[in-house]
Structures are given as C-alpha cells and as structure tokens.
Amino acid sequence: MIATLDKRKIHALEGGDKHARTLTAAREIARAVGLNFVYTGNAHDERGQSTYCPACGERVIGRDWYEITAWRLTEEGRCGNCGSAIPGLFAARPGRWGQRRMPVRVGGPGSGRRGPPSDEGGWQAGVMML
C-alpha cells in the first residue's frame, strides 16, 4: 500500500519545530491509511521511532534516538502482550546498541595530508558509531 501526503495538512504546519511536526503528521497519515510500521527519523520522538504490535497496540520495541528503551518481544519474535507475530528478524534479546562517540583526527583544510591521520596536528571531532 502506498500512502500519499495531503499537501494541505503539511502546509498547515507553520511555525514551531516544523520539521518534527511534519514528520509526525506524515507518520499519522500513513498509519491512518493502514501502514503498521512507519517511523520518524532525525527528530527526538520516542513514540514515532518505536515499533508497535499491529494486533494489540503494545509497544514491542521502544527507541529513543539510538537507545533501546523497551523490548517486549518473545524469543520467537512475537508480541510479549498478545503473542502476535511481528514481521522482521529479531535477536532473542536486545543487543548493546546505543550512541557511541569516539575521537577521530582528520587533516585540516589545505593540509594535503593523505592516508591515516597522525598524532601530530589535525582536527579532532566526535563521530557517532552505530
């Protein structure tokens, strides 16, 4: 099934955090037309990033950015509340996923440096590792 967005609804979202509100509205529209597994991204929205059982509505996998906040799946990948099968490939238990930052050195502008960075000079930045 393909969901289309009503441009009038999206256009009506003026002011405030328009990006997050638009994503939330798009998710609600998709769910209203029967799509069960629709997610928001690039916005702090635990409700919109989580997976819900289409049979009973229980949150079976809670997500908040990179953190798993809830895991209510059986080892067979079924809803822990009603036992309905949830489409997908799941581990028996959640892994140790989450946000990780590691320092990385890269050459500065115009450094002309090639190859792996050295301990001398360069920039340091935080990089998220999944």
N, C-alpha and C. Protein backbone atom coordinates (compact mmCIF):
# COMPACT_ATOMS: atom_id res chain seq x y z
N MET A 1 0.85 -1.17 0.00
CA MET A 1 0.00 0.00 0.00
C MET A 1 0.89 1.23 0.00
N ILE A 2 0.53 2.23 -0.79
CA ILE A 2 1.28 3.47 -0.87
C ILE A 2 0.47 4.57 -0.20
N ALA A 3 1.09 5.30 0.69
CA ALA A 3 0.42 6.42 1.36
C ALA A 3 0.88 7.72 0.72
N THR A 4 -0.04 8.60 0.46
CA THR A 4 0.31 9.92 -0.06
C THR A 4 -0.02 10.95 1.00
N LEU A 5 0.73 12.03 1.01
CA LEU A 5 0.52 13.08 2.00
C LEU A 5 -0.41 14.14 1.43
N ASP A 6 -1.33 14.59 2.22
CA ASP A 6 -2.22 15.68 1.85
C ASP A 6 -1.45 16.98 2.03
N LYS A 7 -1.13 17.65 0.94
CA LYS A 7 -0.31 18.87 1.00
C LYS A 7 -0.95 19.94 1.86
N ARG A 8 -2.28 19.98 1.93
CA ARG A 8 -2.94 20.99 2.77
C ARG A 8 -2.60 20.75 4.24
N LYS A 9 -2.53 19.48 4.67
CA LYS A 9 -2.21 19.20 6.08
C LYS A 9 -0.77 19.58 6.38
N ILE A 10 0.14 19.26 5.46
CA ILE A 10 1.55 19.59 5.68
C ILE A 10 1.73 21.11 5.65
N HIS A 11 1.08 21.80 4.71
CA HIS A 11 1.20 23.25 4.59
C HIS A 11 0.67 23.96 5.83
N ALA A 12 -0.29 23.37 6.50
CA ALA A 12 -0.89 23.98 7.69
C ALA A 12 0.06 23.97 8.89
N LEU A 13 1.14 23.22 8.81
CA LEU A 13 2.08 23.14 9.94
C LEU A 13 3.09 24.28 9.85
N GLU A 14 2.68 25.45 10.21
CA GLU A 14 3.56 26.61 10.17
C GLU A 14 4.04 26.93 11.57
N GLY A 15 5.25 27.44 11.67
CA GLY A 15 5.80 27.86 12.95
C GLY A 15 6.29 26.70 13.79
N GLY A 16 6.95 27.03 14.90
CA GLY A 16 7.47 26.00 15.81
C GLY A 16 8.48 25.11 15.14
N ASP A 17 8.58 23.89 15.59
CA ASP A 17 9.50 22.92 15.03
C ASP A 17 8.83 22.25 13.83
N LYS A 18 8.83 22.93 12.72
CA LYS A 18 8.09 22.48 11.54
C LYS A 18 8.57 21.11 11.06
N HIS A 19 9.89 20.87 11.09
CA HIS A 19 10.43 19.59 10.62
C HIS A 19 9.86 18.42 11.42
N ALA A 20 9.95 18.50 12.73
CA ALA A 20 9.44 17.41 13.59
C ALA A 20 7.93 17.28 13.47
N ARG A 21 7.24 18.38 13.42
CA ARG A 21 5.78 18.33 13.29
C ARG A 21 5.36 17.74 11.96
N THR A 22 6.10 18.05 10.91
CA THR A 22 5.79 17.49 9.59
C THR A 22 6.01 15.99 9.58
N LEU A 23 7.11 15.52 10.18
CA LEU A 23 7.37 14.08 10.25
C LEU A 23 6.27 13.37 11.04
N THR A 24 5.87 13.96 12.15
CA THR A 24 4.81 13.36 12.96
C THR A 24 3.49 13.31 12.19
N ALA A 25 3.17 14.38 11.49
CA ALA A 25 1.94 14.40 10.70
C ALA A 25 1.98 13.35 9.59
N ALA A 26 3.13 13.23 8.93
CA ALA A 26 3.27 12.24 7.86
C ALA A 26 3.10 10.82 8.41
N ARG A 27 3.67 10.56 9.58
CA ARG A 27 3.53 9.25 10.21
C ARG A 27 2.07 8.97 10.55
N GLU A 28 1.38 9.95 11.10
CA GLU A 28 -0.03 9.77 11.46
C GLU A 28 -0.89 9.50 10.23
N ILE A 29 -0.61 10.19 9.14
CA ILE A 29 -1.34 9.96 7.89
C ILE A 29 -1.10 8.54 7.40
N ALA A 30 0.15 8.10 7.38
CA ALA A 30 0.48 6.75 6.92
C ALA A 30 -0.19 5.69 7.78
N ARG A 31 -0.19 5.89 9.09
CA ARG A 31 -0.84 4.93 9.99
C ARG A 31 -2.36 4.93 9.79
N ALA A 32 -2.93 6.09 9.51
CA ALA A 32 -4.38 6.19 9.31
C ALA A 32 -4.84 5.44 8.06
N VAL A 33 -3.94 5.30 7.07
CA VAL A 33 -4.33 4.58 5.85
C VAL A 33 -3.95 3.11 5.92
N GLY A 34 -3.48 2.63 7.08
CA GLY A 34 -3.26 1.21 7.27
C GLY A 34 -1.83 0.71 7.28
N LEU A 35 -0.84 1.60 7.22
CA LEU A 35 0.55 1.16 7.32
C LEU A 35 0.90 0.97 8.79
N ASN A 36 1.40 -0.19 9.15
CA ASN A 36 1.68 -0.51 10.56
C ASN A 36 3.07 -0.12 11.03
N PHE A 37 4.04 -0.14 10.17
CA PHE A 37 5.42 0.05 10.59
C PHE A 37 5.99 1.28 9.90
N VAL A 38 5.66 2.44 10.47
CA VAL A 38 6.08 3.73 9.94
C VAL A 38 6.84 4.45 11.04
N TYR A 39 7.99 5.02 10.71
CA TYR A 39 8.85 5.61 11.72
C TYR A 39 9.25 7.03 11.35
N THR A 40 9.47 7.86 12.37
CA THR A 40 10.03 9.18 12.15
C THR A 40 11.53 9.09 12.41
N GLY A 41 12.27 9.94 11.77
CA GLY A 41 13.71 9.97 11.96
C GLY A 41 14.20 11.41 12.02
N ASN A 42 15.41 11.60 12.48
CA ASN A 42 16.03 12.92 12.59
C ASN A 42 15.20 13.87 13.45
N ALA A 43 14.50 13.32 14.42
CA ALA A 43 13.73 14.12 15.37
C ALA A 43 13.66 13.34 16.67
N HIS A 44 13.66 14.04 17.78
CA HIS A 44 13.57 13.38 19.08
C HIS A 44 12.11 13.00 19.30
N ASP A 45 11.74 11.76 18.98
CA ASP A 45 10.34 11.34 19.00
C ASP A 45 10.27 9.85 19.34
N GLU A 46 10.31 9.52 20.63
CA GLU A 46 10.29 8.11 21.02
C GLU A 46 9.05 7.39 20.52
N ARG A 47 7.91 8.05 20.59
CA ARG A 47 6.67 7.43 20.11
C ARG A 47 6.75 7.08 18.63
N GLY A 48 7.28 8.00 17.83
CA GLY A 48 7.35 7.79 16.38
C GLY A 48 8.48 6.91 15.92
N GLN A 49 9.45 6.62 16.79
CA GLN A 49 10.58 5.77 16.42
C GLN A 49 10.41 4.34 16.92
N SER A 50 9.37 4.09 17.69
CA SER A 50 9.16 2.78 18.29
C SER A 50 8.31 1.88 17.40
N THR A 51 8.39 0.57 17.66
CA THR A 51 7.60 -0.42 16.93
C THR A 51 6.46 -0.90 17.82
N TYR A 52 5.25 -0.93 17.25
CA TYR A 52 4.05 -1.32 17.99
C TYR A 52 3.44 -2.56 17.36
N CYS A 53 2.84 -3.40 18.19
CA CYS A 53 2.14 -4.59 17.71
C CYS A 53 0.89 -4.14 16.95
N PRO A 54 0.71 -4.58 15.69
CA PRO A 54 -0.47 -4.17 14.95
C PRO A 54 -1.77 -4.81 15.50
N ALA A 55 -1.65 -5.89 16.26
CA ALA A 55 -2.84 -6.56 16.79
C ALA A 55 -3.38 -5.90 18.06
N CYS A 56 -2.49 -5.60 19.02
CA CYS A 56 -2.96 -5.08 20.30
C CYS A 56 -2.49 -3.66 20.61
N GLY A 57 -1.54 -3.12 19.82
CA GLY A 57 -1.06 -1.76 20.04
C GLY A 57 0.05 -1.62 21.05
N GLU A 58 0.48 -2.72 21.66
CA GLU A 58 1.57 -2.68 22.65
C GLU A 58 2.87 -2.23 21.98
N ARG A 59 3.65 -1.38 22.68
CA ARG A 59 4.97 -1.02 22.17
C ARG A 59 5.88 -2.22 22.40
N VAL A 60 6.36 -2.81 21.32
CA VAL A 60 7.20 -4.01 21.45
C VAL A 60 8.68 -3.68 21.40
N ILE A 61 9.05 -2.62 20.69
CA ILE A 61 10.43 -2.14 20.70
C ILE A 61 10.37 -0.63 20.87
N GLY A 62 10.87 -0.14 22.00
CA GLY A 62 10.93 1.29 22.23
C GLY A 62 12.29 1.82 21.81
N ARG A 63 12.28 2.91 21.08
CA ARG A 63 13.53 3.53 20.63
C ARG A 63 13.49 5.02 20.93
N ASP A 64 14.61 5.53 21.41
CA ASP A 64 14.77 6.96 21.61
C ASP A 64 16.13 7.32 21.05
N TRP A 65 16.14 7.84 19.85
CA TRP A 65 17.35 8.06 19.05
C TRP A 65 18.06 6.72 18.91
N TYR A 66 19.22 6.55 19.53
CA TYR A 66 19.98 5.31 19.37
C TYR A 66 19.79 4.32 20.52
N GLU A 67 19.01 4.70 21.50
CA GLU A 67 18.82 3.85 22.68
C GLU A 67 17.57 2.99 22.54
N ILE A 68 17.68 1.73 22.96
CA ILE A 68 16.52 0.84 23.05
C ILE A 68 15.93 1.04 24.44
N THR A 69 14.68 1.53 24.50
CA THR A 69 14.06 1.84 25.79
C THR A 69 13.08 0.76 26.24
N ALA A 70 12.67 -0.10 25.33
CA ALA A 70 11.74 -1.18 25.68
C ALA A 70 11.98 -2.35 24.72
N TRP A 71 11.82 -3.56 25.22
CA TRP A 71 11.96 -4.77 24.41
C TRP A 71 10.93 -5.76 24.92
N ARG A 72 9.82 -5.83 24.24
CA ARG A 72 8.73 -6.71 24.67
C ARG A 72 8.40 -7.73 23.58
N LEU A 73 9.45 -8.36 23.07
CA LEU A 73 9.30 -9.42 22.08
C LEU A 73 9.67 -10.73 22.74
N THR A 74 9.00 -11.80 22.33
CA THR A 74 9.41 -13.13 22.80
C THR A 74 10.63 -13.56 21.99
N GLU A 75 11.24 -14.66 22.38
CA GLU A 75 12.39 -15.17 21.64
C GLU A 75 12.03 -15.56 20.22
N GLU A 76 10.74 -15.79 19.95
CA GLU A 76 10.28 -16.16 18.62
C GLU A 76 9.89 -14.93 17.79
N GLY A 77 10.08 -13.73 18.31
CA GLY A 77 9.73 -12.51 17.58
C GLY A 77 8.25 -12.19 17.61
N ARG A 78 7.58 -12.55 18.70
CA ARG A 78 6.15 -12.27 18.85
C ARG A 78 5.94 -11.21 19.91
N CYS A 79 4.78 -10.57 19.85
CA CYS A 79 4.41 -9.56 20.84
C CYS A 79 4.36 -10.22 22.21
N GLY A 80 5.03 -9.62 23.18
CA GLY A 80 5.03 -10.15 24.54
C GLY A 80 3.69 -9.99 25.23
N ASN A 81 2.80 -9.20 24.69
CA ASN A 81 1.49 -8.98 25.29
C ASN A 81 0.44 -9.95 24.76
N CYS A 82 0.32 -10.04 23.41
CA CYS A 82 -0.77 -10.85 22.84
C CYS A 82 -0.27 -12.07 22.04
N GLY A 83 1.04 -12.15 21.78
CA GLY A 83 1.58 -13.30 21.07
C GLY A 83 1.53 -13.21 19.56
N SER A 84 1.06 -12.10 18.99
CA SER A 84 1.01 -11.95 17.54
C SER A 84 2.43 -11.86 16.97
N ALA A 85 2.63 -12.44 15.79
CA ALA A 85 3.92 -12.38 15.12
C ALA A 85 4.20 -10.96 14.66
N ILE A 86 5.42 -10.50 14.87
CA ILE A 86 5.87 -9.19 14.41
C ILE A 86 6.83 -9.44 13.24
N PRO A 87 6.53 -8.90 12.05
CA PRO A 87 7.42 -9.15 10.91
C PRO A 87 8.81 -8.61 11.16
N GLY A 88 9.81 -9.38 10.79
CA GLY A 88 11.19 -8.96 10.93
C GLY A 88 12.07 -10.08 11.45
N LEU A 89 13.35 -9.81 11.50
CA LEU A 89 14.32 -10.74 12.07
C LEU A 89 14.83 -10.11 13.36
N PHE A 90 14.61 -10.79 14.47
CA PHE A 90 14.95 -10.22 15.77
C PHE A 90 15.85 -11.17 16.55
N ALA A 91 16.74 -10.60 17.33
CA ALA A 91 17.53 -11.37 18.27
C ALA A 91 16.63 -11.77 19.44
N ALA A 92 17.03 -12.78 20.18
CA ALA A 92 16.23 -13.22 21.32
C ALA A 92 16.15 -12.12 22.38
N ARG A 93 17.22 -11.36 22.52
CA ARG A 93 17.28 -10.25 23.47
C ARG A 93 17.89 -9.04 22.78
N PRO A 94 17.61 -7.85 23.26
CA PRO A 94 18.21 -6.67 22.63
C PRO A 94 19.72 -6.67 22.80
N GLY A 95 20.40 -6.15 21.81
CA GLY A 95 21.86 -6.04 21.89
C GLY A 95 22.26 -4.84 22.72
N ARG A 96 23.52 -4.55 22.71
CA ARG A 96 24.04 -3.41 23.46
C ARG A 96 24.22 -2.23 22.51
N TRP A 97 23.17 -1.91 21.78
CA TRP A 97 23.24 -0.79 20.85
C TRP A 97 23.13 0.50 21.63
N GLY A 98 23.47 1.55 20.98
CA GLY A 98 23.33 2.86 21.60
C GLY A 98 24.30 3.84 20.98
N GLN A 99 24.17 5.05 21.42
CA GLN A 99 25.03 6.11 20.90
C GLN A 99 26.43 5.94 21.46
N ARG A 100 27.41 6.04 20.58
CA ARG A 100 28.81 5.96 20.99
C ARG A 100 29.57 7.08 20.29
N ARG A 101 30.44 7.72 20.99
CA ARG A 101 31.28 8.75 20.38
C ARG A 101 32.73 8.36 20.56
N MET A 102 33.49 8.52 19.48
CA MET A 102 34.91 8.21 19.53
C MET A 102 35.67 9.38 18.91
N PRO A 103 36.79 9.81 19.50
CA PRO A 103 37.55 10.90 18.89
C PRO A 103 38.21 10.42 17.60
N VAL A 104 38.20 11.29 16.61
CA VAL A 104 38.80 10.98 15.31
C VAL A 104 39.60 12.19 14.88
N ARG A 105 40.80 11.96 14.36
CA ARG A 105 41.61 13.06 13.85
C ARG A 105 41.55 13.05 12.33
N VAL A 106 41.36 14.25 11.77
CA VAL A 106 41.36 14.41 10.32
C VAL A 106 42.23 15.60 9.98
N GLY A 107 42.79 15.59 8.78
CA GLY A 107 43.64 16.70 8.36
C GLY A 107 42.84 17.98 8.22
N GLY A 108 43.47 19.11 8.54
CA GLY A 108 42.81 20.41 8.42
C GLY A 108 42.71 20.85 6.97
N PRO A 109 42.02 21.94 6.71
CA PRO A 109 41.86 22.40 5.34
C PRO A 109 43.21 22.73 4.72
N GLY A 110 43.43 22.28 3.50
CA GLY A 110 44.66 22.57 2.78
C GLY A 110 45.88 21.83 3.30
N SER A 111 45.70 20.84 4.18
CA SER A 111 46.86 20.15 4.74
C SER A 111 47.52 19.27 3.70
N GLY A 112 46.75 18.83 2.71
CA GLY A 112 47.31 17.96 1.68
C GLY A 112 47.69 16.59 2.20
N ARG A 113 47.39 16.31 3.45
CA ARG A 113 47.76 15.03 4.05
C ARG A 113 46.89 13.92 3.49
N ARG A 114 47.50 12.81 3.18
CA ARG A 114 46.77 11.65 2.71
C ARG A 114 47.10 10.47 3.62
N GLY A 115 46.24 9.49 3.62
CA GLY A 115 46.47 8.31 4.45
C GLY A 115 45.94 8.52 5.84
N PRO A 116 46.27 7.60 6.73
CA PRO A 116 45.72 7.68 8.10
C PRO A 116 46.26 8.89 8.84
N PRO A 117 45.45 9.49 9.71
CA PRO A 117 45.91 10.66 10.46
C PRO A 117 46.98 10.30 11.47
N SER A 118 47.84 11.26 11.77
CA SER A 118 48.89 11.04 12.75
C SER A 118 48.51 11.72 14.05
N ASP A 119 49.34 11.55 15.08
CA ASP A 119 49.09 12.20 16.36
C ASP A 119 49.49 13.67 16.35
N GLU A 120 50.17 14.10 15.30
CA GLU A 120 50.62 15.49 15.23
C GLU A 120 49.65 16.29 14.38
N GLY A 121 49.10 17.33 14.96
CA GLY A 121 48.22 18.21 14.20
C GLY A 121 46.88 17.56 13.87
N GLY A 122 46.17 18.17 12.98
CA GLY A 122 44.88 17.64 12.57
C GLY A 122 43.77 18.15 13.48
N TRP A 123 42.56 17.90 13.08
CA TRP A 123 41.39 18.29 13.87
C TRP A 123 40.89 17.10 14.63
N GLN A 124 40.18 17.35 15.68
CA GLN A 124 39.55 16.27 16.43
C GLN A 124 38.05 16.53 16.43
N ALA A 125 37.29 15.48 16.17
CA ALA A 125 35.83 15.61 16.12
C ALA A 125 35.19 14.39 16.76
N GLY A 126 33.98 14.55 17.23
CA GLY A 126 33.22 13.41 17.76
C GLY A 126 32.46 12.76 16.62
N VAL A 127 32.56 11.48 16.50
CA VAL A 127 31.87 10.74 15.45
C VAL A 127 30.98 9.71 16.12
N MET A 128 29.74 9.60 15.67
CA MET A 128 28.81 8.62 16.24
C MET A 128 29.02 7.28 15.57
N MET A 129 29.21 6.26 16.34
CA MET A 129 29.42 4.91 15.83
C MET A 129 28.19 4.08 16.20
N LEU A 130 27.64 3.38 15.23
CA LEU A 130 26.48 2.52 15.49
C LEU A 130 26.90 1.09 15.58
